[in-house]
PDB file of N, CA and C in Angstrom:
ATOM      1  N   MET A   1      73.964 115.361 113.025  1.00  0.00           N
ATOM      2  CA  MET A   1      75.267 115.529 113.626  1.00  0.00           C
ATOM      3  C   MET A   1      75.901 114.156 113.823  1.00  0.00           C
ATOM      4  N   LEU A   2      77.159 114.048 113.401  1.00  0.00           N
ATOM      5  CA  LEU A   2      77.953 112.840 113.628  1.00  0.00           C
ATOM      6  C   LEU A   2      78.990 113.132 114.697  1.00  0.00           C
ATOM      7  N   LEU A   3      79.318 112.123 115.459  1.00  0.00           N
ATOM      8  CA  LEU A   3      80.398 112.214 116.436  1.00  0.00           C
ATOM      9  C   LEU A   3      81.611 111.502 115.851  1.00  0.00           C
ATOM     10  N   HIS A   4      82.706 112.223 115.701  1.00  0.00           N
ATOM     11  CA  HIS A   4      83.964 111.657 115.216  1.00  0.00           C
ATOM     12  C   HIS A   4      84.878 111.484 116.427  1.00  0.00           C
ATOM     13  N   VAL A   5      85.516 110.333 116.522  1.00  0.00           N
ATOM     14  CA  VAL A   5      86.376 110.010 117.654  1.00  0.00           C
ATOM     15  C   VAL A   5      87.786 109.725 117.128  1.00  0.00           C
ATOM     16  N   VAL A   6      88.771 110.438 117.699  1.00  0.00           N
ATOM     17  CA  VAL A   6      90.175 110.285 117.289  1.00  0.00           C
ATOM     18  C   VAL A   6      90.991 109.862 118.508  1.00  0.00           C
ATOM     19  N   ASN A   7      91.782 108.799 118.346  1.00  0.00           N
ATOM     20  CA  ASN A   7      92.585 108.308 119.472  1.00  0.00           C
ATOM     21  C   ASN A   7      94.089 108.488 119.273  1.00  0.00           C
ATOM     22  N   ARG A   8      94.490 109.237 118.277  1.00  0.00           N
ATOM     23  CA  ARG A   8      95.925 109.451 118.012  1.00  0.00           C
ATOM     24  C   ARG A   8      96.272 110.925 118.126  1.00  0.00           C
ATOM     25  N   SER A   9      97.438 111.206 118.636  1.00  0.00           N
ATOM     26  CA  SER A   9      97.914 112.580 118.747  1.00  0.00           C
ATOM     27  C   SER A   9      98.235 113.129 117.361  1.00  0.00           C
ATOM     28  N   PRO A  10      97.903 114.400 117.100  1.00  0.00           N
ATOM     29  CA  PRO A  10      98.270 114.983 115.815  1.00  0.00           C
ATOM     30  C   PRO A  10      99.787 115.124 115.645  1.00  0.00           C
ATOM     31  N   ALA A  11     100.530 115.003 116.740  1.00  0.00           N
ATOM     32  CA  ALA A  11     101.987 115.080 116.666  1.00  0.00           C
ATOM     33  C   ALA A  11     102.595 113.790 116.118  1.00  0.00           C
ATOM     34  N   SER A  12     101.867 112.675 116.214  1.00  0.00           N
ATOM     35  CA  SER A  12     102.434 111.392 115.797  1.00  0.00           C
ATOM     36  C   SER A  12     101.667 110.705 114.674  1.00  0.00           C
ATOM     37  N   SER A  13     100.534 111.272 114.273  1.00  0.00           N
ATOM     38  CA  SER A  13      99.704 110.630 113.254  1.00  0.00           C
ATOM     39  C   SER A  13      98.958 111.692 112.456  1.00  0.00           C
ATOM     40  N   ARG A  14      98.673 111.398 111.215  1.00  0.00           N
ATOM     41  CA  ARG A  14      97.923 112.319 110.353  1.00  0.00           C
ATOM     42  C   ARG A  14      96.448 111.920 110.266  1.00  0.00           C
ATOM     43  N   VAL A  15      96.007 110.993 111.114  1.00  0.00           N
ATOM     44  CA  VAL A  15      94.621 110.540 111.062  1.00  0.00           C
ATOM     45  C   VAL A  15      93.646 111.692 111.314  1.00  0.00           C
ATOM     46  N   PHE A  16      94.082 112.696 112.063  1.00  0.00           N
ATOM     47  CA  PHE A  16      93.207 113.836 112.326  1.00  0.00           C
ATOM     48  C   PHE A  16      92.798 114.530 111.029  1.00  0.00           C
ATOM     49  N   GLU A  17      93.694 114.524 110.029  1.00  0.00           N
ATOM     50  CA  GLU A  17      93.367 115.158 108.747  1.00  0.00           C
ATOM     51  C   GLU A  17      92.212 114.428 108.066  1.00  0.00           C
ATOM     52  N   GLN A  18      92.219 113.108 108.138  1.00  0.00           N
ATOM     53  CA  GLN A  18      91.127 112.330 107.563  1.00  0.00           C
ATOM     54  C   GLN A  18      89.824 112.630 108.293  1.00  0.00           C
ATOM     55  N   ALA A  19      89.895 112.720 109.600  1.00  0.00           N
ATOM     56  CA  ALA A  19      88.692 113.022 110.387  1.00  0.00           C
ATOM     57  C   ALA A  19      88.139 114.392 110.022  1.00  0.00           C
ATOM     58  N   LEU A  20      89.005 115.393 109.935  1.00  0.00           N
ATOM     59  CA  LEU A  20      88.548 116.742 109.591  1.00  0.00           C
ATOM     60  C   LEU A  20      87.931 116.778 108.199  1.00  0.00           C
ATOM     61  N   THR A  21      88.534 116.056 107.271  1.00  0.00           N
ATOM     62  CA  THR A  21      88.008 116.007 105.913  1.00  0.00           C
ATOM     63  C   THR A  21      86.631 115.344 105.884  1.00  0.00           C
ATOM     64  N   GLY A  22      86.430 114.371 106.742  1.00  0.00           N
ATOM     65  CA  GLY A  22      85.170 113.642 106.780  1.00  0.00           C
ATOM     66  C   GLY A  22      84.067 114.312 107.575  1.00  0.00           C
ATOM     67  N   MET A  23      84.374 115.418 108.220  1.00  0.00           N
ATOM     68  CA  MET A  23      83.393 116.079 109.073  1.00  0.00           C
ATOM     69  C   MET A  23      82.493 117.024 108.305  1.00  0.00           C
ATOM     70  N   GLY A  24      81.226 117.036 108.708  1.00  0.00           N
ATOM     71  CA  GLY A  24      80.266 117.996 108.194  1.00  0.00           C
ATOM     72  C   GLY A  24      80.232 119.228 109.084  1.00  0.00           C
ATOM     73  N   PRO A  25      79.497 120.263 108.702  1.00  0.00           N
ATOM     74  CA  PRO A  25      79.480 121.523 109.445  1.00  0.00           C
ATOM     75  C   PRO A  25      78.859 121.439 110.836  1.00  0.00           C
ATOM     76  N   ASP A  26      78.067 120.408 111.109  1.00  0.00           N
ATOM     77  CA  ASP A  26      77.444 120.258 112.425  1.00  0.00           C
ATOM     78  C   ASP A  26      78.066 119.143 113.256  1.00  0.00           C
ATOM     79  N   ASP A  27      79.041 118.449 112.684  1.00  0.00           N
ATOM     80  CA  ASP A  27      79.674 117.329 113.377  1.00  0.00           C
ATOM     81  C   ASP A  27      80.586 117.821 114.491  1.00  0.00           C
ATOM     82  N   VAL A  28      80.820 116.943 115.472  1.00  0.00           N
ATOM     83  CA  VAL A  28      81.737 117.235 116.563  1.00  0.00           C
ATOM     84  C   VAL A  28      82.820 116.174 116.612  1.00  0.00           C
ATOM     85  N   LEU A  29      83.942 116.514 117.252  1.00  0.00           N
ATOM     86  CA  LEU A  29      85.071 115.596 117.333  1.00  0.00           C
ATOM     87  C   LEU A  29      85.473 115.432 118.787  1.00  0.00           C
ATOM     88  N   LEU A  30      85.652 114.193 119.203  1.00  0.00           N
ATOM     89  CA  LEU A  30      86.069 113.865 120.558  1.00  0.00           C
ATOM     90  C   LEU A  30      87.447 113.227 120.520  1.00  0.00           C
ATOM     91  N   LEU A  31      88.355 113.769 121.306  1.00  0.00           N
ATOM     92  CA  LEU A  31      89.701 113.216 121.442  1.00  0.00           C
ATOM     93  C   LEU A  31      89.717 112.254 122.625  1.00  0.00           C
ATOM     94  N   ILE A  32      90.215 111.041 122.387  1.00  0.00           N
ATOM     95  CA  ILE A  32      90.329 110.029 123.439  1.00  0.00           C
ATOM     96  C   ILE A  32      91.741 109.446 123.414  1.00  0.00           C
ATOM     97  N   GLU A  33      92.052 108.655 124.444  1.00  0.00           N
ATOM     98  CA  GLU A  33      93.338 107.967 124.553  1.00  0.00           C
ATOM     99  C   GLU A  33      94.474 108.953 124.264  1.00  0.00           C
ATOM    100  N   ASP A  34      95.464 108.598 123.415  1.00  0.00           N
ATOM    101  CA  ASP A  34      96.575 109.510 123.129  1.00  0.00           C
ATOM    102  C   ASP A  34      96.132 110.719 122.318  1.00  0.00           C
ATOM    103  N   GLY A  35      94.946 110.649 121.745  1.00  0.00           N
ATOM    104  CA  GLY A  35      94.423 111.777 120.987  1.00  0.00           C
ATOM    105  C   GLY A  35      94.226 113.028 121.819  1.00  0.00           C
ATOM    106  N   VAL A  36      94.068 112.868 123.150  1.00  0.00           N
ATOM    107  CA  VAL A  36      93.852 114.039 124.005  1.00  0.00           C
ATOM    108  C   VAL A  36      95.046 114.999 123.992  1.00  0.00           C
ATOM    109  N   GLN A  37      96.193 114.537 123.537  1.00  0.00           N
ATOM    110  CA  GLN A  37      97.343 115.440 123.410  1.00  0.00           C
ATOM    111  C   GLN A  37      97.031 116.579 122.447  1.00  0.00           C
ATOM    112  N   GLY A  38      96.118 116.346 121.520  1.00  0.00           N
ATOM    113  CA  GLY A  38      95.703 117.382 120.583  1.00  0.00           C
ATOM    114  C   GLY A  38      94.957 118.526 121.234  1.00  0.00           C
ATOM    115  N   ALA A  39      94.573 118.362 122.490  1.00  0.00           N
ATOM    116  CA  ALA A  39      93.886 119.419 123.235  1.00  0.00           C
ATOM    117  C   ALA A  39      94.865 120.419 123.848  1.00  0.00           C
ATOM    118  N   LEU A  40      96.147 120.108 123.815  1.00  0.00           N
ATOM    119  CA  LEU A  40      97.151 121.008 124.388  1.00  0.00           C
ATOM    120  C   LEU A  40      97.293 122.262 123.525  1.00  0.00           C
ATOM    121  N   PRO A  41      97.587 123.399 124.151  1.00  0.00           N
ATOM    122  CA  PRO A  41      97.686 124.651 123.389  1.00  0.00           C
ATOM    123  C   PRO A  41      98.625 124.588 122.187  1.00  0.00           C
ATOM    124  N   GLN A  42      99.729 123.856 122.287  1.00  0.00           N
ATOM    125  CA  GLN A  42     100.684 123.802 121.184  1.00  0.00           C
ATOM    126  C   GLN A  42     100.233 122.903 120.033  1.00  0.00           C
ATOM    127  N   LEU A  43      99.208 122.064 120.257  1.00  0.00           N
ATOM    128  CA  LEU A  43      98.732 121.153 119.209  1.00  0.00           C
ATOM    129  C   LEU A  43      97.308 121.441 118.750  1.00  0.00           C
ATOM    130  N   VAL A  44      96.553 122.213 119.493  1.00  0.00           N
ATOM    131  CA  VAL A  44      95.145 122.445 119.170  1.00  0.00           C
ATOM    132  C   VAL A  44      94.976 123.170 117.838  1.00  0.00           C
ATOM    133  N   ARG A  45      96.025 123.802 117.358  1.00  0.00           N
ATOM    134  CA  ARG A  45      95.942 124.505 116.065  1.00  0.00           C
ATOM    135  C   ARG A  45      95.539 123.570 114.926  1.00  0.00           C
ATOM    136  N   TYR A  46      95.855 122.285 115.065  1.00  0.00           N
ATOM    137  CA  TYR A  46      95.471 121.317 114.034  1.00  0.00           C
ATOM    138  C   TYR A  46      93.953 121.216 113.894  1.00  0.00           C
ATOM    139  N   TYR A  47      93.250 121.589 114.947  1.00  0.00           N
ATOM    140  CA  TYR A  47      91.792 121.492 114.959  1.00  0.00           C
ATOM    141  C   TYR A  47      91.106 122.848 114.810  1.00  0.00           C
ATOM    142  N   ALA A  48      91.834 123.851 114.372  1.00  0.00           N
ATOM    143  CA  ALA A  48      91.276 125.203 114.217  1.00  0.00           C
ATOM    144  C   ALA A  48      90.014 125.236 113.350  1.00  0.00           C
ATOM    145  N   PRO A  49      89.913 124.441 112.291  1.00  0.00           N
ATOM    146  CA  PRO A  49      88.699 124.501 111.459  1.00  0.00           C
ATOM    147  C   PRO A  49      87.403 124.109 112.190  1.00  0.00           C
ATOM    148  N   ILE A  50      87.529 123.437 113.332  1.00  0.00           N
ATOM    149  CA  ILE A  50      86.318 123.006 114.031  1.00  0.00           C
ATOM    150  C   ILE A  50      86.213 123.622 115.422  1.00  0.00           C
ATOM    151  N   GLU A  51      86.764 124.788 115.604  1.00  0.00           N
ATOM    152  CA  GLU A  51      86.703 125.457 116.904  1.00  0.00           C
ATOM    153  C   GLU A  51      85.260 125.512 117.394  1.00  0.00           C
ATOM    154  N   GLY A  52      85.083 125.182 118.660  1.00  0.00           N
ATOM    155  CA  GLY A  52      83.758 125.141 119.252  1.00  0.00           C
ATOM    156  C   GLY A  52      83.099 123.780 119.164  1.00  0.00           C
ATOM    157  N   ARG A  53      83.705 122.875 118.404  1.00  0.00           N
ATOM    158  CA  ARG A  53      83.143 121.525 118.239  1.00  0.00           C
ATOM    159  C   ARG A  53      84.157 120.443 118.611  1.00  0.00           C
ATOM    160  N   LEU A  54      85.160 120.822 119.411  1.00  0.00           N
ATOM    161  CA  LEU A  54      86.230 119.909 119.805  1.00  0.00           C
ATOM    162  C   LEU A  54      86.103 119.566 121.286  1.00  0.00           C
ATOM    163  N   PHE A  55      86.082 118.272 121.575  1.00  0.00           N
ATOM    164  CA  PHE A  55      85.946 117.767 122.936  1.00  0.00           C
ATOM    165  C   PHE A  55      87.129 116.859 123.266  1.00  0.00           C
ATOM    166  N   ALA A  56      87.441 116.738 124.550  1.00  0.00           N
ATOM    167  CA  ALA A  56      88.480 115.814 125.014  1.00  0.00           C
ATOM    168  C   ALA A  56      87.951 115.068 126.232  1.00  0.00           C
ATOM    169  N   LEU A  57      88.280 113.798 126.320  1.00  0.00           N
ATOM    170  CA  LEU A  57      87.792 112.957 127.405  1.00  0.00           C
ATOM    171  C   LEU A  57      88.613 113.177 128.677  1.00  0.00           C
ATOM    172  N   ARG A  58      87.916 113.611 129.721  1.00  0.00           N
ATOM    173  CA  ARG A  58      88.552 113.942 131.006  1.00  0.00           C
ATOM    174  C   ARG A  58      89.393 112.792 131.560  1.00  0.00           C
ATOM    175  N   GLU A  59      88.855 111.596 131.549  1.00  0.00           N
ATOM    176  CA  GLU A  59      89.573 110.456 132.137  1.00  0.00           C
ATOM    177  C   GLU A  59      90.900 110.196 131.431  1.00  0.00           C
ATOM    178  N   ASP A  60      90.943 110.386 130.112  1.00  0.00           N
ATOM    179  CA  ASP A  60      92.195 110.185 129.379  1.00  0.00           C
ATOM    180  C   ASP A  60      93.161 111.342 129.617  1.00  0.00           C
ATOM    181  N   LEU A  61      92.637 112.538 129.797  1.00  0.00           N
ATOM    182  CA  LEU A  61      93.496 113.671 130.172  1.00  0.00           C
ATOM    183  C   LEU A  61      94.127 113.415 131.536  1.00  0.00           C
ATOM    184  N   GLU A  62      93.310 112.970 132.486  1.00  0.00           N
ATOM    185  CA  GLU A  62      93.812 112.673 133.836  1.00  0.00           C
ATOM    186  C   GLU A  62      94.873 111.586 133.801  1.00  0.00           C
ATOM    187  N   ALA A  63      94.625 110.531 133.051  1.00  0.00           N
ATOM    188  CA  ALA A  63      95.556 109.398 132.986  1.00  0.00           C
ATOM    189  C   ALA A  63      96.917 109.805 132.438  1.00  0.00           C
ATOM    190  N   ARG A  64      96.944 110.875 131.647  1.00  0.00           N
ATOM    191  CA  ARG A  64      98.197 111.331 131.037  1.00  0.00           C
ATOM    192  C   ARG A  64      98.755 112.579 131.710  1.00  0.00           C
ATOM    193  N   GLY A  65      98.165 112.982 132.824  1.00  0.00           N
ATOM    194  CA  GLY A  65      98.636 114.161 133.559  1.00  0.00           C
ATOM    195  C   GLY A  65      98.404 115.458 132.811  1.00  0.00           C
ATOM    196  N   LEU A  66      97.383 115.502 131.954  1.00  0.00           N
ATOM    197  CA  LEU A  66      97.140 116.676 131.117  1.00  0.00           C
ATOM    198  C   LEU A  66      95.914 117.484 131.529  1.00  0.00           C
ATOM    199  N   LEU A  67      95.183 117.032 132.519  1.00  0.00           N
ATOM    200  CA  LEU A  67      93.991 117.748 132.936  1.00  0.00           C
ATOM    201  C   LEU A  67      94.378 119.139 133.442  1.00  0.00           C
ATOM    202  N   GLY A  68      93.684 120.141 132.995  1.00  0.00           N
ATOM    203  CA  GLY A  68      94.000 121.513 133.372  1.00  0.00           C
ATOM    204  C   GLY A  68      95.011 122.172 132.450  1.00  0.00           C
ATOM    205  N   ARG A  69      95.504 121.441 131.465  1.00  0.00           N
ATOM    206  CA  ARG A  69      96.499 121.997 130.543  1.00  0.00           C
ATOM    207  C   ARG A  69      95.948 122.172 129.132  1.00  0.00           C
ATOM    208  N   CYS A  70      94.652 121.972 128.954  1.00  0.00           N
ATOM    209  CA  CYS A  70      94.024 122.072 127.630  1.00  0.00           C
ATOM    210  C   CYS A  70      93.887 123.522 127.188  1.00  0.00           C
ATOM    211  N   ALA A  71      93.818 123.695 125.887  1.00  0.00           N
ATOM    212  CA  ALA A  71      93.506 125.003 125.321  1.00  0.00           C
ATOM    213  C   ALA A  71      92.083 125.370 125.725  1.00  0.00           C
ATOM    214  N   GLU A  72      91.820 126.663 125.849  1.00  0.00           N
ATOM    215  CA  GLU A  72      90.503 127.126 126.281  1.00  0.00           C
ATOM    216  C   GLU A  72      89.391 126.732 125.312  1.00  0.00           C
ATOM    217  N   SER A  73      89.730 126.530 124.060  1.00  0.00           N
ATOM    218  CA  SER A  73      88.715 126.205 123.050  1.00  0.00           C
ATOM    219  C   SER A  73      88.225 124.759 123.117  1.00  0.00           C
ATOM    220  N   VAL A  74      88.887 123.933 123.926  1.00  0.00           N
ATOM    221  CA  VAL A  74      88.536 122.512 124.035  1.00  0.00           C
ATOM    222  C   VAL A  74      87.533 122.321 125.169  1.00  0.00           C
ATOM    223  N   GLN A  75      86.471 121.599 124.872  1.00  0.00           N
ATOM    224  CA  GLN A  75      85.468 121.275 125.880  1.00  0.00           C
ATOM    225  C   GLN A  75      85.801 119.909 126.470  1.00  0.00           C
ATOM    226  N   VAL A  76      86.022 119.862 127.776  1.00  0.00           N
ATOM    227  CA  VAL A  76      86.373 118.613 128.452  1.00  0.00           C
ATOM    228  C   VAL A  76      85.083 117.941 128.923  1.00  0.00           C
ATOM    229  N   VAL A  77      84.932 116.661 128.567  1.00  0.00           N
ATOM    230  CA  VAL A  77      83.772 115.880 128.994  1.00  0.00           C
ATOM    231  C   VAL A  77      84.235 114.612 129.687  1.00  0.00           C
ATOM    232  N   ASP A  78      83.442 114.162 130.653  1.00  0.00           N
ATOM    233  CA  ASP A  78      83.738 112.889 131.303  1.00  0.00           C
ATOM    234  C   ASP A  78      83.029 111.770 130.545  1.00  0.00           C
ATOM    235  N   VAL A  79      83.086 110.556 131.075  1.00  0.00           N
ATOM    236  CA  VAL A  79      82.482 109.417 130.391  1.00  0.00           C
ATOM    237  C   VAL A  79      80.982 109.641 130.189  1.00  0.00           C
ATOM    238  N   ASP A  80      80.312 110.238 131.172  1.00  0.00           N
ATOM    239  CA  ASP A  80      78.885 110.523 131.011  1.00  0.00           C
ATOM    240  C   ASP A  80      78.658 111.502 129.858  1.00  0.00           C
ATOM    241  N   GLY A  81      79.547 112.483 129.706  1.00  0.00           N
ATOM    242  CA  GLY A  81      79.461 113.412 128.587  1.00  0.00           C
ATOM    243  C   GLY A  81      79.692 112.712 127.260  1.00  0.00           C
ATOM    244  N   PHE A  82      80.592 111.746 127.249  1.00  0.00           N
ATOM    245  CA  PHE A  82      80.851 110.930 126.059  1.00  0.00           C
ATOM    246  C   PHE A  82      79.563 110.192 125.666  1.00  0.00           C
ATOM    247  N   VAL A  83      78.909 109.609 126.656  1.00  0.00           N
ATOM    248  CA  VAL A  83      77.653 108.894 126.401  1.00  0.00           C
ATOM    249  C   VAL A  83      76.613 109.858 125.830  1.00  0.00           C
ATOM    250  N   THR A  84      76.519 111.046 126.407  1.00  0.00           N
ATOM    251  CA  THR A  84      75.567 112.044 125.913  1.00  0.00           C
ATOM    252  C   THR A  84      75.864 112.409 124.467  1.00  0.00           C
ATOM    253  N   LEU A  85      77.139 112.601 124.133  1.00  0.00           N
ATOM    254  CA  LEU A  85      77.503 112.909 122.751  1.00  0.00           C
ATOM    255  C   LEU A  85      77.086 111.789 121.804  1.00  0.00           C
ATOM    256  N   THR A  86      77.280 110.545 122.230  1.00  0.00           N
ATOM    257  CA  THR A  86      76.897 109.427 121.360  1.00  0.00           C
ATOM    258  C   THR A  86      75.383 109.336 121.215  1.00  0.00           C
ATOM    259  N   GLU A  87      74.651 109.657 122.273  1.00  0.00           N
ATOM    260  CA  GLU A  87      73.191 109.630 122.202  1.00  0.00           C
ATOM    261  C   GLU A  87      72.659 110.717 121.276  1.00  0.00           C
ATOM    262  N   GLU A  88      73.316 111.871 121.272  1.00  0.00           N
ATOM    263  CA  GLU A  88      72.871 112.991 120.444  1.00  0.00           C
ATOM    264  C   GLU A  88      73.257 112.821 118.974  1.00  0.00           C
ATOM    265  N   ALA A  89      74.267 112.013 118.724  1.00  0.00           N
ATOM    266  CA  ALA A  89      74.776 111.833 117.363  1.00  0.00           C
ATOM    267  C   ALA A  89      73.928 110.828 116.591  1.00  0.00           C
ATOM    268  N   GLU A  90      73.798 111.089 115.304  1.00  0.00           N
ATOM    269  CA  GLU A  90      73.128 110.157 114.407  1.00  0.00           C
ATOM    270  C   GLU A  90      73.915 108.845 114.342  1.00  0.00           C
ATOM    271  N   ARG A  91      75.251 108.989 114.295  1.00  0.00           N
ATOM    272  CA  ARG A  91      76.144 107.838 114.361  1.00  0.00           C
ATOM    273  C   ARG A  91      77.526 108.312 114.805  1.00  0.00           C
ATOM    274  N   THR A  92      78.369 107.350 115.136  1.00  0.00           N
ATOM    275  CA  THR A  92      79.724 107.637 115.590  1.00  0.00           C
ATOM    276  C   THR A  92      80.710 107.051 114.597  1.00  0.00           C
ATOM    277  N   VAL A  93      81.734 107.844 114.274  1.00  0.00           N
ATOM    278  CA  VAL A  93      82.796 107.423 113.355  1.00  0.00           C
ATOM    279  C   VAL A  93      84.101 107.444 114.127  1.00  0.00           C
ATOM    280  N   SER A  94      84.791 106.311 114.175  1.00  0.00           N
ATOM    281  CA  SER A  94      86.076 106.237 114.865  1.00  0.00           C
ATOM    282  C   SER A  94      87.217 106.300 113.868  1.00  0.00           C
ATOM    283  N   TRP A  95      88.203 107.116 114.182  1.00  0.00           N
ATOM    284  CA  TRP A  95      89.393 107.289 113.341  1.00  0.00           C
ATOM    285  C   TRP A  95      90.601 106.805 114.109  1.00  0.00           C
ATOM    286  N   TYR A  96      91.238 105.720 113.619  1.00  0.00           N
ATOM    287  CA  TYR A  96      92.396 105.120 114.299  1.00  0.00           C
ATOM    288  C   TYR A  96      93.560 105.008 113.362  1.00  0.00           C
TER     289      TYR A  96
END
């Protein structure tokens, strides 16, 4: 399992497409920084191919006033959860 990290919103960047193309069937994707906007119900459709494997960083959601507004399919993790994901992953791939 690889951990893919995206820091751009799908509304303003197409980097998410590269990340999805690069993902394997067991890989997971974590949204950080402005990327957490992709966790909103109106944008989460971009990540439909990986439902159940999409995470968003709680601290970045809080910083943007988005905590509690995520789609139900998004798993919210805090920094400790981020660390756990990196420990479980064979490697981490960042998409910027």
